[in-house]
Amino acid sequence: MTADERFAFTPGVVAVEAVLAATPALTILLPHLHVYPGGMLLTLQALGRRIAMTNPDQWRLVTSTFLGLPHDLQGQVQEEDLLQIGIRSPSCTWWENDPGLLAPRRVCVDQTEFDDRLTGAITAWIGRLPPPPTFEVLLRWPLAGITDAVIRIESAVVAEAARRSRLLWDAT
């Protein structure tokens, strides 16, 4: 399902209402899934506090997930330390960089360099519906102190939301 095709549908919504990961400095929430006939949109909410960051550069590195990595820190950060989003089912595991499944994430932020709080949204398109009976949403962000956060979701609930998705108009 392309972005144009997805735009032609109203999604079915699955309320998840879960804390995916929490540290003293950063919390990642998964409030809901937007489900379409050909996939689903994962929207994670990030809430951060500068005062709880242990390393002076950690705030800059965490906010750079939303704003872009500062030039003076490029080369100092390993790819495996950055935010990773994945989906795991009984048959396989997919990570964000797998072609065709998780599209590049879009991020936005409500934060200024003078503010000591961060609120942001991280979205990832999952290009197919997960197989039954369950699947897991995975999150790793070693730079932010989050390793292997997991939440389990029933595939049947997602399939039902896909059936509730309604075509608004022809995608052309």
Protein backbone atom coordinates (compact mmCIF):
# COMPACT_ATOMS: atom_id res chain seq x y z
CA MET A 1 0.00 0.00 0.00
CA THR A 2 1.51 3.32 -1.07
CA ALA A 3 1.16 6.59 0.84
CA ASP A 4 -1.40 7.75 -1.77
CA GLU A 5 -3.45 4.61 -1.30
CA ARG A 6 -3.24 4.93 2.49
CA PHE A 7 -4.44 8.54 2.25
CA ALA A 8 -7.62 7.30 0.57
CA PHE A 9 -8.66 5.33 3.68
CA THR A 10 -9.83 6.19 7.14
CA PRO A 11 -7.90 3.81 9.43
CA GLY A 12 -9.26 1.38 11.96
CA VAL A 13 -7.79 2.24 15.35
CA VAL A 14 -6.42 -0.19 17.92
CA ALA A 15 -6.04 1.34 21.37
CA VAL A 16 -2.80 0.05 22.89
CA GLU A 17 -2.35 2.64 25.66
CA ALA A 18 1.00 1.24 26.77
CA VAL A 19 4.30 2.46 28.11
CA LEU A 20 6.80 0.75 25.84
CA ALA A 21 9.87 1.90 27.75
CA ALA A 22 10.68 4.21 30.65
CA THR A 23 13.88 5.55 32.15
CA PRO A 24 14.32 8.46 34.56
CA ALA A 25 15.08 10.63 31.51
CA LEU A 26 12.87 9.26 28.74
CA THR A 27 9.51 7.54 28.32
CA ILE A 28 8.23 6.00 25.09
CA LEU A 29 4.47 5.49 24.78
CA LEU A 30 2.48 3.49 22.25
CA PRO A 31 -1.04 4.96 22.52
CA HIS A 32 -2.60 3.33 19.44
CA LEU A 33 -2.15 1.79 16.02
CA HIS A 34 -3.73 3.12 12.83
CA VAL A 35 -4.58 0.07 10.74
CA TYR A 36 -5.25 -0.04 7.00
CA PRO A 37 -6.04 -2.98 4.69
CA GLY A 38 -2.38 -3.19 3.62
CA GLY A 39 -0.48 -2.35 6.79
CA MET A 40 -0.41 -0.21 9.89
CA LEU A 41 1.08 3.01 11.14
CA LEU A 42 2.90 2.87 14.44
CA THR A 43 3.09 6.20 16.26
CA LEU A 44 5.31 6.29 19.32
CA GLN A 45 5.33 9.29 21.65
CA ALA A 46 8.58 10.28 23.34
CA LEU A 47 8.71 12.35 26.52
CA GLY A 48 12.12 13.43 27.82
CA ARG A 49 13.64 15.43 30.65
CA ARG A 50 17.06 17.04 30.28
CA ILE A 51 17.60 17.18 34.04
CA ALA A 52 17.62 13.37 34.27
CA MET A 53 20.24 12.84 31.53
CA THR A 54 23.48 11.46 32.98
CA ASN A 55 25.86 12.36 30.17
CA PRO A 56 26.14 16.02 29.07
CA ASP A 57 25.94 15.02 25.40
CA GLN A 58 23.02 12.60 25.94
CA TRP A 59 20.36 15.34 25.65
CA ARG A 60 21.82 16.55 22.35
CA LEU A 61 22.04 12.99 21.05
CA VAL A 62 18.50 12.04 22.08
CA THR A 63 16.93 15.22 20.68
CA SER A 64 18.97 14.75 17.52
CA THR A 65 16.78 11.73 16.75
CA PHE A 66 14.11 14.32 16.05
CA LEU A 67 16.15 17.28 14.86
CA GLY A 68 19.11 15.66 13.04
CA LEU A 69 22.49 14.65 14.44
CA PRO A 70 24.69 17.70 15.14
CA HIS A 71 27.73 17.86 12.87
CA ASP A 72 30.16 17.88 15.80
CA LEU A 73 28.73 14.55 17.05
CA GLN A 74 28.62 12.74 13.70
CA GLY A 75 31.15 9.94 13.64
CA GLN A 76 31.03 9.62 17.45
CA VAL A 77 27.74 7.71 17.43
CA GLN A 78 27.45 4.10 16.28
CA GLU A 79 24.41 3.06 14.22
CA GLU A 80 23.48 0.38 16.78
CA ASP A 81 23.18 3.04 19.52
CA LEU A 82 20.46 4.96 17.69
CA LEU A 83 16.72 4.38 17.90
CA GLN A 84 15.58 1.07 16.35
CA ILE A 85 11.95 0.01 15.91
CA GLY A 86 10.96 -3.54 15.01
CA ILE A 87 8.14 -6.03 14.72
CA ARG A 88 8.44 -9.69 15.77
CA SER A 89 5.98 -12.49 15.04
CA PRO A 90 6.30 -16.24 15.66
CA SER A 91 7.68 -16.65 12.14
CA CYS A 92 10.22 -13.80 11.91
CA THR A 93 11.58 -10.49 13.16
CA TRP A 94 11.76 -7.30 11.07
CA TRP A 95 13.73 -4.22 11.97
CA GLU A 96 13.24 -0.73 10.64
CA ASN A 97 15.95 -1.00 8.01
CA ASP A 98 14.34 -4.08 6.40
CA PRO A 99 13.32 -2.98 2.89
CA GLY A 100 9.64 -3.06 2.08
CA LEU A 101 8.32 -3.51 5.59
CA LEU A 102 9.12 -0.55 7.80
CA ALA A 103 9.32 2.68 5.84
CA PRO A 104 11.74 5.37 7.02
CA ARG A 105 10.30 6.89 10.13
CA ARG A 106 9.03 10.43 10.30
CA VAL A 107 9.77 12.35 13.44
CA CYS A 108 8.56 15.63 14.85
CA VAL A 109 9.34 17.41 18.08
CA ASP A 110 8.03 20.12 20.36
CA GLN A 111 11.25 21.35 21.97
CA THR A 112 13.63 24.29 21.85
CA GLU A 113 17.30 24.44 22.79
CA PHE A 114 16.29 26.50 25.82
CA ASP A 115 13.67 24.02 26.98
CA ASP A 116 14.51 21.15 29.32
CA ARG A 117 11.62 18.95 28.18
CA LEU A 118 11.07 17.02 24.99
CA THR A 119 7.85 15.74 23.48
CA GLY A 120 8.00 14.10 20.11
CA ALA A 121 6.33 11.63 17.81
CA ILE A 122 8.05 8.83 15.94
CA THR A 123 6.07 7.10 13.21
CA ALA A 124 6.89 3.96 11.24
CA TRP A 125 4.84 2.35 8.48
CA ILE A 126 4.58 -1.43 8.74
CA GLY A 127 3.96 -2.58 5.18
CA ARG A 128 1.86 -5.65 5.95
CA LEU A 129 -0.43 -6.91 8.65
CA PRO A 130 1.22 -9.23 11.20
CA PRO A 131 0.31 -12.93 11.12
CA PRO A 132 -1.69 -14.57 13.93
CA PRO A 133 -1.79 -15.18 16.79
CA THR A 134 0.30 -12.33 18.25
CA PHE A 135 3.12 -9.99 17.33
CA GLU A 136 5.46 -7.79 19.32
CA VAL A 137 6.55 -4.20 18.87
CA LEU A 138 10.25 -3.92 19.68
CA LEU A 139 12.24 -0.85 20.63
CA ARG A 140 15.94 -0.40 21.25
CA TRP A 141 17.60 2.91 21.93
CA PRO A 142 20.90 2.22 23.73
CA LEU A 143 21.93 5.86 23.54
CA ALA A 144 18.86 6.75 25.62
CA GLY A 145 19.33 3.84 28.02
CA ILE A 146 16.59 1.65 26.49
CA THR A 147 17.40 -1.94 25.55
CA ASP A 148 14.94 -4.47 24.20
CA ALA A 149 11.59 -2.96 25.17
CA VAL A 150 8.76 -5.25 24.03
CA ILE A 151 4.97 -5.06 23.93
CA ARG A 152 2.74 -7.93 22.72
CA ILE A 153 -0.41 -7.29 20.66
CA GLU A 154 -3.08 -9.72 19.44
CA SER A 155 -3.05 -10.01 15.64
CA ALA A 156 -6.82 -10.62 15.55
CA VAL A 157 -7.46 -7.14 17.00
CA VAL A 158 -5.35 -5.62 14.22
CA ALA A 159 -7.12 -7.69 11.54
CA GLU A 160 -10.51 -6.49 12.87
CA ALA A 161 -9.31 -2.86 12.73
CA ALA A 162 -8.23 -3.40 9.10
CA ARG A 163 -11.77 -4.59 8.32
CA ARG A 164 -13.16 -1.39 9.92
CA SER A 165 -10.91 0.76 7.71
CA ARG A 166 -13.05 2.54 5.12
CA LEU A 167 -12.26 3.73 1.63
CA LEU A 168 -12.92 7.48 1.37
CA TRP A 169 -12.28 7.92 -2.34
CA ASP A 170 -10.39 6.38 -5.25
CA ALA A 171 -6.65 6.68 -4.69
CA THR A 172 -6.01 8.04 -8.19
